[in-house]
Amino acid sequence: MKVRELVEKLGLTIFCGEENLDNDIKGGYVSDLLSDVMGFAQEGNVWVTLQTHKNVIAIASLKELAAIVLVKGNKPEEDMLEQAKEEGIPVLGTNAQTFEVAGKIYQLIAQ
């Protein structure tokens, strides 16, 4: 599945990273603890979080994640957007709760 398909199927907002919506999604990871993501997320994962600061992008870049999905209507801070644009990482958003988004992403990937 491509990030673009995830955006379309879940009606996600695109904050930045339009040029990389064709990134392949290989799985997902849900956590708000940066050290947890750094230790256990895998390349190609979509990271579901409510964290909105630039350190999120540093971890996403290090782990070569496909995209970041911000939940509960959270919007990225300006320094997060700047860093995401530099790194080419799609930052997406939804008003939905974390549990709901994670379940939907899992269903889409498992198809």
N, C-alpha and C. Protein backbone atom coordinates (compact mmCIF):
# COMPACT_ATOMS: atom_id res chain seq x y z
N MET A 1 0.84 -1.17 0.00
CA MET A 1 0.00 0.00 0.00
C MET A 1 0.89 1.24 0.00
N LYS A 2 0.46 2.25 -0.70
CA LYS A 2 1.16 3.53 -0.77
C LYS A 2 0.53 4.51 0.23
N VAL A 3 1.32 5.48 0.67
CA VAL A 3 0.82 6.51 1.57
C VAL A 3 -0.37 7.22 0.93
N ARG A 4 -0.31 7.46 -0.35
CA ARG A 4 -1.40 8.12 -1.08
C ARG A 4 -2.74 7.39 -0.89
N GLU A 5 -2.70 6.07 -0.96
CA GLU A 5 -3.91 5.27 -0.77
C GLU A 5 -4.45 5.42 0.65
N LEU A 6 -3.56 5.46 1.62
CA LEU A 6 -3.96 5.63 3.01
C LEU A 6 -4.65 6.98 3.20
N VAL A 7 -4.09 8.01 2.60
CA VAL A 7 -4.68 9.36 2.67
C VAL A 7 -6.09 9.34 2.09
N GLU A 8 -6.24 8.73 0.93
CA GLU A 8 -7.54 8.69 0.25
C GLU A 8 -8.57 7.88 1.04
N LYS A 9 -8.17 6.71 1.51
CA LYS A 9 -9.12 5.81 2.17
C LYS A 9 -9.53 6.29 3.56
N LEU A 10 -8.64 7.02 4.25
CA LEU A 10 -8.97 7.50 5.59
C LEU A 10 -9.32 8.99 5.61
N GLY A 11 -9.25 9.65 4.46
CA GLY A 11 -9.57 11.07 4.40
C GLY A 11 -8.63 11.92 5.25
N LEU A 12 -7.35 11.59 5.21
CA LEU A 12 -6.36 12.29 6.04
C LEU A 12 -6.00 13.66 5.46
N THR A 13 -5.67 14.57 6.33
CA THR A 13 -5.16 15.88 5.94
C THR A 13 -3.67 15.73 5.65
N ILE A 14 -3.19 16.38 4.59
CA ILE A 14 -1.77 16.37 4.27
C ILE A 14 -1.19 17.70 4.72
N PHE A 15 -0.32 17.66 5.72
CA PHE A 15 0.34 18.88 6.20
C PHE A 15 1.58 19.17 5.37
N CYS A 16 2.30 18.14 4.96
CA CYS A 16 3.46 18.29 4.07
C CYS A 16 3.87 16.92 3.58
N GLY A 17 4.77 16.92 2.60
CA GLY A 17 5.31 15.66 2.08
C GLY A 17 4.58 15.12 0.88
N GLU A 18 3.84 15.99 0.19
CA GLU A 18 3.07 15.53 -0.99
C GLU A 18 3.93 14.81 -2.01
N GLU A 19 5.20 15.20 -2.10
CA GLU A 19 6.09 14.61 -3.09
C GLU A 19 6.46 13.16 -2.77
N ASN A 20 6.16 12.72 -1.55
CA ASN A 20 6.50 11.35 -1.16
C ASN A 20 5.28 10.51 -0.79
N LEU A 21 4.15 10.83 -1.35
CA LEU A 21 2.94 10.06 -1.07
C LEU A 21 2.97 8.68 -1.73
N ASP A 22 3.97 8.44 -2.56
CA ASP A 22 4.10 7.12 -3.17
C ASP A 22 5.04 6.21 -2.37
N ASN A 23 5.43 6.66 -1.17
CA ASN A 23 6.20 5.78 -0.27
C ASN A 23 5.40 4.52 0.00
N ASP A 24 6.08 3.39 0.04
CA ASP A 24 5.43 2.12 0.36
C ASP A 24 5.25 1.99 1.87
N ILE A 25 4.07 1.53 2.28
CA ILE A 25 3.79 1.25 3.68
C ILE A 25 3.96 -0.24 3.90
N LYS A 26 4.83 -0.59 4.83
CA LYS A 26 5.11 -1.99 5.12
C LYS A 26 4.50 -2.44 6.44
N GLY A 27 3.98 -1.48 7.21
CA GLY A 27 3.42 -1.79 8.52
C GLY A 27 3.12 -0.51 9.25
N GLY A 28 2.80 -0.62 10.51
CA GLY A 28 2.50 0.55 11.31
C GLY A 28 3.08 0.44 12.70
N TYR A 29 3.21 1.59 13.34
CA TYR A 29 3.69 1.62 14.72
C TYR A 29 2.95 2.73 15.45
N VAL A 30 2.48 2.43 16.65
CA VAL A 30 1.72 3.39 17.45
C VAL A 30 2.43 3.60 18.77
N SER A 31 2.88 4.83 19.00
CA SER A 31 3.51 5.17 20.27
C SER A 31 3.72 6.67 20.33
N ASP A 32 3.68 7.20 21.56
CA ASP A 32 3.99 8.60 21.78
C ASP A 32 5.33 8.75 22.50
N LEU A 33 5.98 7.64 22.75
CA LEU A 33 7.27 7.64 23.42
C LEU A 33 8.36 7.51 22.36
N LEU A 34 9.14 8.56 22.17
CA LEU A 34 10.12 8.59 21.09
C LEU A 34 11.14 7.46 21.19
N SER A 35 11.60 7.16 22.39
CA SER A 35 12.59 6.09 22.54
C SER A 35 12.01 4.73 22.15
N ASP A 36 10.72 4.54 22.37
CA ASP A 36 10.06 3.30 21.98
C ASP A 36 10.05 3.16 20.46
N VAL A 37 9.70 4.24 19.78
CA VAL A 37 9.67 4.23 18.31
C VAL A 37 11.08 4.01 17.77
N MET A 38 12.04 4.69 18.37
CA MET A 38 13.43 4.55 17.91
C MET A 38 13.91 3.11 18.08
N GLY A 39 13.47 2.45 19.12
CA GLY A 39 13.91 1.09 19.37
C GLY A 39 13.19 0.01 18.59
N PHE A 40 11.93 0.26 18.23
CA PHE A 40 11.14 -0.86 17.71
C PHE A 40 10.41 -0.63 16.38
N ALA A 41 10.23 0.60 15.94
CA ALA A 41 9.59 0.83 14.64
C ALA A 41 10.49 0.30 13.53
N GLN A 42 9.87 -0.12 12.45
CA GLN A 42 10.61 -0.70 11.33
C GLN A 42 10.52 0.21 10.10
N GLU A 43 11.50 0.09 9.26
CA GLU A 43 11.51 0.84 8.01
C GLU A 43 10.20 0.61 7.26
N GLY A 44 9.63 1.70 6.75
CA GLY A 44 8.40 1.61 5.99
C GLY A 44 7.13 1.65 6.82
N ASN A 45 7.26 1.73 8.14
CA ASN A 45 6.08 1.84 9.01
C ASN A 45 5.45 3.23 8.88
N VAL A 46 4.16 3.27 9.13
CA VAL A 46 3.45 4.53 9.35
C VAL A 46 3.40 4.70 10.86
N TRP A 47 3.82 5.85 11.33
CA TRP A 47 3.87 6.13 12.77
C TRP A 47 2.64 6.94 13.15
N VAL A 48 1.82 6.40 14.04
CA VAL A 48 0.63 7.07 14.55
C VAL A 48 0.98 7.64 15.92
N THR A 49 0.82 8.97 16.08
CA THR A 49 1.21 9.64 17.31
C THR A 49 0.43 10.93 17.51
N LEU A 50 0.52 11.46 18.73
CA LEU A 50 -0.03 12.80 18.98
C LEU A 50 1.09 13.81 19.19
N GLN A 51 2.35 13.36 19.11
CA GLN A 51 3.50 14.25 19.25
C GLN A 51 3.63 15.16 18.03
N THR A 52 3.91 16.45 18.26
CA THR A 52 3.89 17.42 17.17
C THR A 52 5.16 18.26 17.07
N HIS A 53 6.25 17.81 17.65
CA HIS A 53 7.49 18.60 17.64
C HIS A 53 8.52 18.00 16.69
N LYS A 54 9.59 18.75 16.41
CA LYS A 54 10.54 18.34 15.37
C LYS A 54 11.33 17.08 15.70
N ASN A 55 11.42 16.70 16.96
CA ASN A 55 12.15 15.46 17.28
C ASN A 55 11.47 14.24 16.68
N VAL A 56 10.17 14.34 16.43
CA VAL A 56 9.44 13.25 15.77
C VAL A 56 10.04 13.01 14.37
N ILE A 57 10.37 14.08 13.69
CA ILE A 57 10.91 13.96 12.34
C ILE A 57 12.30 13.33 12.37
N ALA A 58 13.10 13.69 13.37
CA ALA A 58 14.44 13.10 13.49
C ALA A 58 14.35 11.58 13.61
N ILE A 59 13.41 11.11 14.41
CA ILE A 59 13.24 9.66 14.59
C ILE A 59 12.68 9.02 13.32
N ALA A 60 11.70 9.67 12.71
CA ALA A 60 11.11 9.13 11.48
C ALA A 60 12.15 9.02 10.38
N SER A 61 13.03 9.99 10.29
CA SER A 61 14.09 9.96 9.29
C SER A 61 15.09 8.85 9.60
N LEU A 62 15.51 8.76 10.85
CA LEU A 62 16.45 7.73 11.28
C LEU A 62 15.93 6.33 10.98
N LYS A 63 14.65 6.10 11.24
CA LYS A 63 14.04 4.79 11.05
C LYS A 63 13.50 4.57 9.64
N GLU A 64 13.59 5.60 8.78
CA GLU A 64 13.10 5.53 7.40
C GLU A 64 11.62 5.14 7.35
N LEU A 65 10.82 5.86 8.12
CA LEU A 65 9.39 5.60 8.17
C LEU A 65 8.70 6.16 6.93
N ALA A 66 7.58 5.56 6.56
CA ALA A 66 6.86 5.96 5.35
C ALA A 66 6.11 7.27 5.54
N ALA A 67 5.56 7.50 6.74
CA ALA A 67 4.78 8.70 7.02
C ALA A 67 4.46 8.77 8.50
N ILE A 68 3.98 9.94 8.91
CA ILE A 68 3.53 10.16 10.28
C ILE A 68 2.07 10.58 10.22
N VAL A 69 1.25 9.99 11.09
CA VAL A 69 -0.15 10.37 11.19
C VAL A 69 -0.38 10.96 12.58
N LEU A 70 -0.75 12.23 12.62
CA LEU A 70 -1.09 12.91 13.87
C LEU A 70 -2.57 12.72 14.15
N VAL A 71 -2.90 12.34 15.36
CA VAL A 71 -4.29 12.02 15.74
C VAL A 71 -4.91 13.12 16.60
N LYS A 72 -6.22 12.97 16.85
CA LYS A 72 -6.99 13.83 17.75
C LYS A 72 -6.98 15.30 17.34
N GLY A 73 -6.84 15.56 16.06
CA GLY A 73 -6.86 16.94 15.58
C GLY A 73 -5.58 17.71 15.85
N ASN A 74 -4.54 17.04 16.30
CA ASN A 74 -3.27 17.72 16.54
C ASN A 74 -2.66 18.18 15.23
N LYS A 75 -2.04 19.34 15.29
CA LYS A 75 -1.39 19.91 14.11
C LYS A 75 0.10 20.05 14.39
N PRO A 76 0.93 19.87 13.36
CA PRO A 76 2.37 19.94 13.58
C PRO A 76 2.82 21.36 13.94
N GLU A 77 3.81 21.43 14.83
CA GLU A 77 4.42 22.71 15.13
C GLU A 77 5.22 23.15 13.91
N GLU A 78 5.47 24.44 13.81
CA GLU A 78 6.16 24.99 12.63
C GLU A 78 7.54 24.35 12.42
N ASP A 79 8.29 24.15 13.51
CA ASP A 79 9.62 23.56 13.35
C ASP A 79 9.54 22.09 12.92
N MET A 80 8.45 21.42 13.28
CA MET A 80 8.24 20.05 12.80
C MET A 80 8.01 20.05 11.29
N LEU A 81 7.18 20.96 10.82
CA LEU A 81 6.90 21.05 9.38
C LEU A 81 8.17 21.37 8.59
N GLU A 82 8.95 22.32 9.09
CA GLU A 82 10.19 22.68 8.40
C GLU A 82 11.11 21.48 8.28
N GLN A 83 11.27 20.74 9.37
CA GLN A 83 12.15 19.57 9.37
C GLN A 83 11.59 18.47 8.46
N ALA A 84 10.28 18.27 8.50
CA ALA A 84 9.65 17.25 7.65
C ALA A 84 9.84 17.57 6.18
N LYS A 85 9.73 18.84 5.82
CA LYS A 85 9.94 19.24 4.42
C LYS A 85 11.37 18.97 4.00
N GLU A 86 12.33 19.28 4.87
CA GLU A 86 13.73 19.02 4.57
C GLU A 86 14.00 17.53 4.38
N GLU A 87 13.37 16.71 5.22
CA GLU A 87 13.61 15.26 5.18
C GLU A 87 12.71 14.55 4.18
N GLY A 88 11.68 15.23 3.68
CA GLY A 88 10.76 14.61 2.72
C GLY A 88 9.82 13.59 3.33
N ILE A 89 9.44 13.81 4.58
CA ILE A 89 8.57 12.85 5.27
C ILE A 89 7.14 13.37 5.27
N PRO A 90 6.20 12.61 4.74
CA PRO A 90 4.80 13.04 4.79
C PRO A 90 4.28 13.11 6.22
N VAL A 91 3.69 14.25 6.57
CA VAL A 91 3.03 14.42 7.86
C VAL A 91 1.55 14.59 7.57
N LEU A 92 0.76 13.69 8.12
CA LEU A 92 -0.67 13.62 7.86
C LEU A 92 -1.43 13.84 9.15
N GLY A 93 -2.73 14.10 9.05
CA GLY A 93 -3.50 14.32 10.26
C GLY A 93 -4.94 13.83 10.15
N THR A 94 -5.53 13.62 11.34
CA THR A 94 -6.93 13.21 11.44
C THR A 94 -7.48 13.68 12.78
N ASN A 95 -8.78 13.84 12.85
CA ASN A 95 -9.44 14.17 14.11
C ASN A 95 -9.77 12.92 14.91
N ALA A 96 -9.61 11.76 14.30
CA ALA A 96 -9.96 10.49 14.95
C ALA A 96 -9.03 10.17 16.12
N GLN A 97 -9.51 9.30 16.98
CA GLN A 97 -8.74 8.81 18.12
C GLN A 97 -7.68 7.80 17.65
N THR A 98 -6.63 7.66 18.42
CA THR A 98 -5.53 6.78 18.09
C THR A 98 -5.99 5.34 17.85
N PHE A 99 -6.81 4.82 18.74
CA PHE A 99 -7.28 3.43 18.63
C PHE A 99 -8.01 3.20 17.31
N GLU A 100 -8.87 4.14 16.97
CA GLU A 100 -9.64 4.03 15.73
C GLU A 100 -8.73 4.05 14.50
N VAL A 101 -7.80 4.98 14.45
CA VAL A 101 -6.89 5.11 13.31
C VAL A 101 -6.02 3.87 13.18
N ALA A 102 -5.48 3.41 14.29
CA ALA A 102 -4.62 2.23 14.26
C ALA A 102 -5.37 1.02 13.72
N GLY A 103 -6.60 0.84 14.16
CA GLY A 103 -7.40 -0.28 13.67
C GLY A 103 -7.67 -0.21 12.18
N LYS A 104 -7.99 0.98 11.71
CA LYS A 104 -8.26 1.15 10.27
C LYS A 104 -7.00 0.91 9.44
N ILE A 105 -5.88 1.43 9.91
CA ILE A 105 -4.62 1.22 9.17
C ILE A 105 -4.29 -0.27 9.14
N TYR A 106 -4.45 -0.93 10.26
CA TYR A 106 -4.18 -2.37 10.30
C TYR A 106 -5.04 -3.13 9.29
N GLN A 107 -6.33 -2.81 9.27
CA GLN A 107 -7.24 -3.49 8.32
C GLN A 107 -6.83 -3.26 6.88
N LEU A 108 -6.45 -2.04 6.55
CA LEU A 108 -6.05 -1.72 5.18
C LEU A 108 -4.77 -2.44 4.79
N ILE A 109 -3.83 -2.49 5.68
CA ILE A 109 -2.56 -3.14 5.37
C ILE A 109 -2.72 -4.65 5.29
N ALA A 110 -3.59 -5.22 6.11
CA ALA A 110 -3.78 -6.67 6.17
C ALA A 110 -4.54 -7.23 4.96
N GLN A 111 -5.15 -6.36 4.16
CA GLN A 111 -5.95 -6.83 3.01
C GLN A 111 -5.09 -7.48 1.96
